Amino acid sequence: MNVIYLLIPLGLGLLALSVWAYFWAVRSGQFDDLESPAVQILLDDDRAPPPASGDSRDA
């Protein structure tokens, strides 16, 4: 029964930390755009990049 005196404050502290982390993530913009990263993987660009202008293999 004595362990409950430790677990209740520990649980409340963990809850407070979780609520703080959620509101921090919302304020910092973590949830602003949830659609674009999922679509960007489908828009893969398979073209080769242009050669560098200072490429030494051309000489």
PDB file of N, CA and C in Angstrom:
ATOM      1  N   MET A   1       0.814  -1.199   0.000  1.00  0.00           N
ATOM      2  CA  MET A   1       0.000   0.000   0.000  1.00  0.00           C
ATOM      3  C   MET A   1       0.858   1.263   0.000  1.00  0.00           C
ATOM      4  N   ASN A   2       2.067   1.161   0.537  1.00  0.00           N
ATOM      5  CA  ASN A   2       2.942   2.335   0.583  1.00  0.00           C
ATOM      6  C   ASN A   2       3.449   2.730  -0.807  1.00  0.00           C
ATOM      7  N   VAL A   3       3.470   1.764  -1.725  1.00  0.00           N
ATOM      8  CA  VAL A   3       3.975   2.069  -3.061  1.00  0.00           C
ATOM      9  C   VAL A   3       3.050   3.024  -3.804  1.00  0.00           C
ATOM     10  N   ILE A   4       1.781   3.068  -3.414  1.00  0.00           N
ATOM     11  CA  ILE A   4       0.824   3.972  -4.079  1.00  0.00           C
ATOM     12  C   ILE A   4       1.207   5.434  -3.863  1.00  0.00           C
ATOM     13  N   TYR A   5       1.873   5.720  -2.732  1.00  0.00           N
ATOM     14  CA  TYR A   5       2.318   7.091  -2.465  1.00  0.00           C
ATOM     15  C   TYR A   5       3.441   7.504  -3.399  1.00  0.00           C
ATOM     16  N   LEU A   6       4.106   6.554  -3.993  1.00  0.00           N
ATOM     17  CA  LEU A   6       5.136   6.835  -4.984  1.00  0.00           C
ATOM     18  C   LEU A   6       4.547   6.835  -6.401  1.00  0.00           C
ATOM     19  N   LEU A   7       3.650   5.914  -6.673  1.00  0.00           N
ATOM     20  CA  LEU A   7       3.138   5.759  -8.036  1.00  0.00           C
ATOM     21  C   LEU A   7       2.196   6.885  -8.462  1.00  0.00           C
ATOM     22  N   ILE A   8       1.409   7.414  -7.553  1.00  0.00           N
ATOM     23  CA  ILE A   8       0.486   8.503  -7.928  1.00  0.00           C
ATOM     24  C   ILE A   8       1.246   9.757  -8.336  1.00  0.00           C
ATOM     25  N   PRO A   9       2.203  10.265  -7.546  1.00  0.00           N
ATOM     26  CA  PRO A   9       2.962  11.437  -8.010  1.00  0.00           C
ATOM     27  C   PRO A   9       3.791  11.155  -9.264  1.00  0.00           C
ATOM     28  N   LEU A  10       4.323   9.932  -9.364  1.00  0.00           N
ATOM     29  CA  LEU A  10       5.077   9.571 -10.556  1.00  0.00           C
ATOM     30  C   LEU A  10       4.177   9.573 -11.789  1.00  0.00           C
ATOM     31  N   GLY A  11       2.973   9.060 -11.670  1.00  0.00           N
ATOM     32  CA  GLY A  11       2.018   9.062 -12.779  1.00  0.00           C
ATOM     33  C   GLY A  11       1.586  10.466 -13.156  1.00  0.00           C
ATOM     34  N   LEU A  12       1.350  11.302 -12.145  1.00  0.00           N
ATOM     35  CA  LEU A  12       0.958  12.685 -12.429  1.00  0.00           C
ATOM     36  C   LEU A  12       2.104  13.462 -13.085  1.00  0.00           C
ATOM     37  N   GLY A  13       3.318  13.192 -12.656  1.00  0.00           N
ATOM     38  CA  GLY A  13       4.475  13.834 -13.277  1.00  0.00           C
ATOM     39  C   GLY A  13       4.639  13.409 -14.726  1.00  0.00           C
ATOM     40  N   LEU A  14       4.443  12.136 -14.998  1.00  0.00           N
ATOM     41  CA  LEU A  14       4.520  11.638 -16.367  1.00  0.00           C
ATOM     42  C   LEU A  14       3.408  12.220 -17.232  1.00  0.00           C
ATOM     43  N   LEU A  15       2.229  12.361 -16.679  1.00  0.00           N
ATOM     44  CA  LEU A  15       1.119  12.983 -17.402  1.00  0.00           C
ATOM     45  C   LEU A  15       1.437  14.441 -17.728  1.00  0.00           C
ATOM     46  N   ALA A  16       1.962  15.168 -16.746  1.00  0.00           N
ATOM     47  CA  ALA A  16       2.314  16.576 -16.971  1.00  0.00           C
ATOM     48  C   ALA A  16       3.397  16.697 -18.038  1.00  0.00           C
ATOM     49  N   LEU A  17       4.381  15.806 -18.015  1.00  0.00           N
ATOM     50  CA  LEU A  17       5.440  15.823 -19.020  1.00  0.00           C
ATOM     51  C   LEU A  17       4.881  15.523 -20.413  1.00  0.00           C
ATOM     52  N   SER A  18       3.962  14.595 -20.498  1.00  0.00           N
ATOM     53  CA  SER A  18       3.352  14.258 -21.789  1.00  0.00           C
ATOM     54  C   SER A  18       2.527  15.410 -22.345  1.00  0.00           C
ATOM     55  N   VAL A  19       1.760  16.068 -21.498  1.00  0.00           N
ATOM     56  CA  VAL A  19       0.949  17.208 -21.943  1.00  0.00           C
ATOM     57  C   VAL A  19       1.859  18.345 -22.394  1.00  0.00           C
ATOM     58  N   TRP A  20       2.934  18.589 -21.653  1.00  0.00           N
ATOM     59  CA  TRP A  20       3.886  19.637 -22.039  1.00  0.00           C
ATOM     60  C   TRP A  20       4.519  19.309 -23.392  1.00  0.00           C
ATOM     61  N   ALA A  21       4.932  18.057 -23.605  1.00  0.00           N
ATOM     62  CA  ALA A  21       5.560  17.658 -24.868  1.00  0.00           C
ATOM     63  C   ALA A  21       4.590  17.809 -26.039  1.00  0.00           C
ATOM     64  N   TYR A  22       3.328  17.491 -25.822  1.00  0.00           N
ATOM     65  CA  TYR A  22       2.331  17.639 -26.885  1.00  0.00           C
ATOM     66  C   TYR A  22       2.157  19.103 -27.274  1.00  0.00           C
ATOM     67  N   PHE A  23       1.983  19.972 -26.291  1.00  0.00           N
ATOM     68  CA  PHE A  23       1.791  21.377 -26.608  1.00  0.00           C
ATOM     69  C   PHE A  23       3.050  22.004 -27.195  1.00  0.00           C
ATOM     70  N   TRP A  24       4.232  21.539 -26.775  1.00  0.00           N
ATOM     71  CA  TRP A  24       5.477  22.016 -27.378  1.00  0.00           C
ATOM     72  C   TRP A  24       5.529  21.623 -28.856  1.00  0.00           C
ATOM     73  N   ALA A  25       5.148  20.394 -29.185  1.00  0.00           N
ATOM     74  CA  ALA A  25       5.158  19.931 -30.565  1.00  0.00           C
ATOM     75  C   ALA A  25       4.164  20.709 -31.418  1.00  0.00           C
ATOM     76  N   VAL A  26       3.013  21.031 -30.869  1.00  0.00           N
ATOM     77  CA  VAL A  26       2.022  21.808 -31.616  1.00  0.00           C
ATOM     78  C   VAL A  26       2.543  23.215 -31.881  1.00  0.00           C
ATOM     79  N   ARG A  27       3.134  23.854 -30.875  1.00  0.00           N
ATOM     80  CA  ARG A  27       3.651  25.218 -31.038  1.00  0.00           C
ATOM     81  C   ARG A  27       4.839  25.272 -31.985  1.00  0.00           C
ATOM     82  N   SER A  28       5.651  24.213 -32.035  1.00  0.00           N
ATOM     83  CA  SER A  28       6.833  24.251 -32.886  1.00  0.00           C
ATOM     84  C   SER A  28       6.534  23.840 -34.321  1.00  0.00           C
ATOM     85  N   GLY A  29       5.286  23.495 -34.632  1.00  0.00           N
ATOM     86  CA  GLY A  29       4.902  23.221 -36.011  1.00  0.00           C
ATOM     87  C   GLY A  29       5.074  21.782 -36.447  1.00  0.00           C
ATOM     88  N   GLN A  30       5.144  20.855 -35.525  1.00  0.00           N
ATOM     89  CA  GLN A  30       5.333  19.451 -35.882  1.00  0.00           C
ATOM     90  C   GLN A  30       4.125  18.865 -36.615  1.00  0.00           C
ATOM     91  N   PHE A  31       2.949  19.426 -36.406  1.00  0.00           N
ATOM     92  CA  PHE A  31       1.731  18.877 -36.996  1.00  0.00           C
ATOM     93  C   PHE A  31       1.154  19.792 -38.073  1.00  0.00           C
ATOM     94  N   ASP A  32       1.950  20.697 -38.620  1.00  0.00           N
ATOM     95  CA  ASP A  32       1.433  21.651 -39.600  1.00  0.00           C
ATOM     96  C   ASP A  32       1.028  20.985 -40.907  1.00  0.00           C
ATOM     97  N   ASP A  33       1.873  20.148 -41.459  1.00  0.00           N
ATOM     98  CA  ASP A  33       1.596  19.560 -42.765  1.00  0.00           C
ATOM     99  C   ASP A  33       1.797  18.049 -42.685  1.00  0.00           C
ATOM    100  N   LEU A  34       0.716  17.314 -42.609  1.00  0.00           N
ATOM    101  CA  LEU A  34       0.793  15.864 -42.503  1.00  0.00           C
ATOM    102  C   LEU A  34       0.622  15.175 -43.849  1.00  0.00           C
ATOM    103  N   GLU A  35       0.195  15.898 -44.880  1.00  0.00           N
ATOM    104  CA  GLU A  35      -0.089  15.291 -46.170  1.00  0.00           C
ATOM    105  C   GLU A  35       1.123  15.278 -47.103  1.00  0.00           C
ATOM    106  N   SER A  36       1.885  16.343 -47.167  1.00  0.00           N
ATOM    107  CA  SER A  36       2.976  16.458 -48.139  1.00  0.00           C
ATOM    108  C   SER A  36       4.049  15.384 -48.014  1.00  0.00           C
ATOM    109  N   PRO A  37       4.554  15.046 -46.822  1.00  0.00           N
ATOM    110  CA  PRO A  37       5.578  14.006 -46.757  1.00  0.00           C
ATOM    111  C   PRO A  37       5.091  12.660 -47.285  1.00  0.00           C
ATOM    112  N   ALA A  38       3.813  12.356 -47.120  1.00  0.00           N
ATOM    113  CA  ALA A  38       3.295  11.085 -47.617  1.00  0.00           C
ATOM    114  C   ALA A  38       3.193  11.077 -49.141  1.00  0.00           C
ATOM    115  N   VAL A  39       2.967  12.239 -49.749  1.00  0.00           N
ATOM    116  CA  VAL A  39       2.820  12.314 -51.195  1.00  0.00           C
ATOM    117  C   VAL A  39       4.178  12.463 -51.880  1.00  0.00           C
ATOM    118  N   GLN A  40       5.141  13.081 -51.222  1.00  0.00           N
ATOM    119  CA  GLN A  40       6.447  13.318 -51.840  1.00  0.00           C
ATOM    120  C   GLN A  40       7.157  12.025 -52.215  1.00  0.00           C
ATOM    121  N   ILE A  41       6.934  10.949 -51.476  1.00  0.00           N
ATOM    122  CA  ILE A  41       7.575   9.685 -51.811  1.00  0.00           C
ATOM    123  C   ILE A  41       7.051   9.148 -53.136  1.00  0.00           C
ATOM    124  N   LEU A  42       5.833   9.510 -53.504  1.00  0.00           N
ATOM    125  CA  LEU A  42       5.260   9.052 -54.766  1.00  0.00           C
ATOM    126  C   LEU A  42       5.749   9.878 -55.948  1.00  0.00           C
ATOM    127  N   LEU A  43       6.259  11.062 -55.703  1.00  0.00           N
ATOM    128  CA  LEU A  43       6.721  11.949 -56.758  1.00  0.00           C
ATOM    129  C   LEU A  43       8.228  11.814 -56.961  1.00  0.00           C
ATOM    130  N   ASP A  44       8.710  10.596 -57.016  1.00  0.00           N
ATOM    131  CA  ASP A  44      10.132  10.319 -57.150  1.00  0.00           C
ATOM    132  C   ASP A  44      10.630  10.784 -58.515  1.00  0.00           C
ATOM    133  N   ASP A  45      11.742  11.469 -58.520  1.00  0.00           N
ATOM    134  CA  ASP A  45      12.339  11.977 -59.746  1.00  0.00           C
ATOM    135  C   ASP A  45      13.483  11.053 -60.140  1.00  0.00           C
ATOM    136  N   ASP A  46      13.300  10.268 -61.210  1.00  0.00           N
ATOM    137  CA  ASP A  46      14.294   9.281 -61.612  1.00  0.00           C
ATOM    138  C   ASP A  46      15.338   9.822 -62.577  1.00  0.00           C
ATOM    139  N   ARG A  47      15.245  11.091 -62.949  1.00  0.00           N
ATOM    140  CA  ARG A  47      16.226  11.655 -63.869  1.00  0.00           C
ATOM    141  C   ARG A  47      17.583  11.790 -63.195  1.00  0.00           C
ATOM    142  N   ALA A  48      18.646  11.592 -63.957  1.00  0.00           N
ATOM    143  CA  ALA A  48      20.001  11.724 -63.418  1.00  0.00           C
ATOM    144  C   ALA A  48      20.314  13.200 -63.216  1.00  0.00           C
ATOM    145  N   PRO A  49      21.057  13.532 -62.181  1.00  0.00           N
ATOM    146  CA  PRO A  49      21.415  14.936 -61.968  1.00  0.00           C
ATOM    147  C   PRO A  49      22.380  15.408 -63.051  1.00  0.00           C
ATOM    148  N   PRO A  50      22.374  16.693 -63.371  1.00  0.00           N
ATOM    149  CA  PRO A  50      23.297  17.205 -64.411  1.00  0.00           C
ATOM    150  C   PRO A  50      24.744  17.057 -63.933  1.00  0.00           C
ATOM    151  N   PRO A  51      25.667  16.854 -64.880  1.00  0.00           N
ATOM    152  CA  PRO A  51      27.080  16.697 -64.477  1.00  0.00           C
ATOM    153  C   PRO A  51      27.628  18.014 -63.904  1.00  0.00           C
ATOM    154  N   ALA A  52      28.564  17.869 -63.013  1.00  0.00           N
ATOM    155  CA  ALA A  52      29.184  19.038 -62.401  1.00  0.00           C
ATOM    156  C   ALA A  52      30.052  19.766 -63.443  1.00  0.00           C
ATOM    157  N   SER A  53      30.123  21.077 -63.349  1.00  0.00           N
ATOM    158  CA  SER A  53      30.866  21.861 -64.343  1.00  0.00           C
ATOM    159  C   SER A  53      32.362  21.671 -64.222  1.00  0.00           C
ATOM    160  N   GLY A  54      32.884  21.332 -63.059  1.00  0.00           N
ATOM    161  CA  GLY A  54      34.326  21.146 -62.879  1.00  0.00           C
ATOM    162  C   GLY A  54      34.715  19.690 -62.861  1.00  0.00           C
ATOM    163  N   ASP A  55      34.021  18.850 -63.618  1.00  0.00           N
ATOM    164  CA  ASP A  55      34.297  17.421 -63.625  1.00  0.00           C
ATOM    165  C   ASP A  55      35.632  17.152 -64.314  1.00  0.00           C
ATOM    166  N   SER A  56      36.579  16.470 -63.669  1.00  0.00           N
ATOM    167  CA  SER A  56      37.924  16.229 -64.222  1.00  0.00           C
ATOM    168  C   SER A  56      37.937  15.054 -65.184  1.00  0.00           C
ATOM    169  N   ARG A  57      36.854  14.280 -65.294  1.00  0.00           N
ATOM    170  CA  ARG A  57      36.829  13.134 -66.218  1.00  0.00           C
ATOM    171  C   ARG A  57      36.683  13.580 -67.668  1.00  0.00           C
ATOM    172  N   ASP A  58      36.229  14.803 -67.930  1.00  0.00           N
ATOM    173  CA  ASP A  58      36.038  15.288 -69.292  1.00  0.00           C
ATOM    174  C   ASP A  58      37.363  15.632 -69.967  1.00  0.00           C
ATOM    175  N   ALA A  59      38.417  15.862 -69.210  1.00  0.00           N
ATOM    176  CA  ALA A  59      39.698  16.325 -69.768  1.00  0.00           C
ATOM    177  C   ALA A  59      40.504  15.213 -70.382  1.00  0.00           C
TER     178      ALA A  59
END
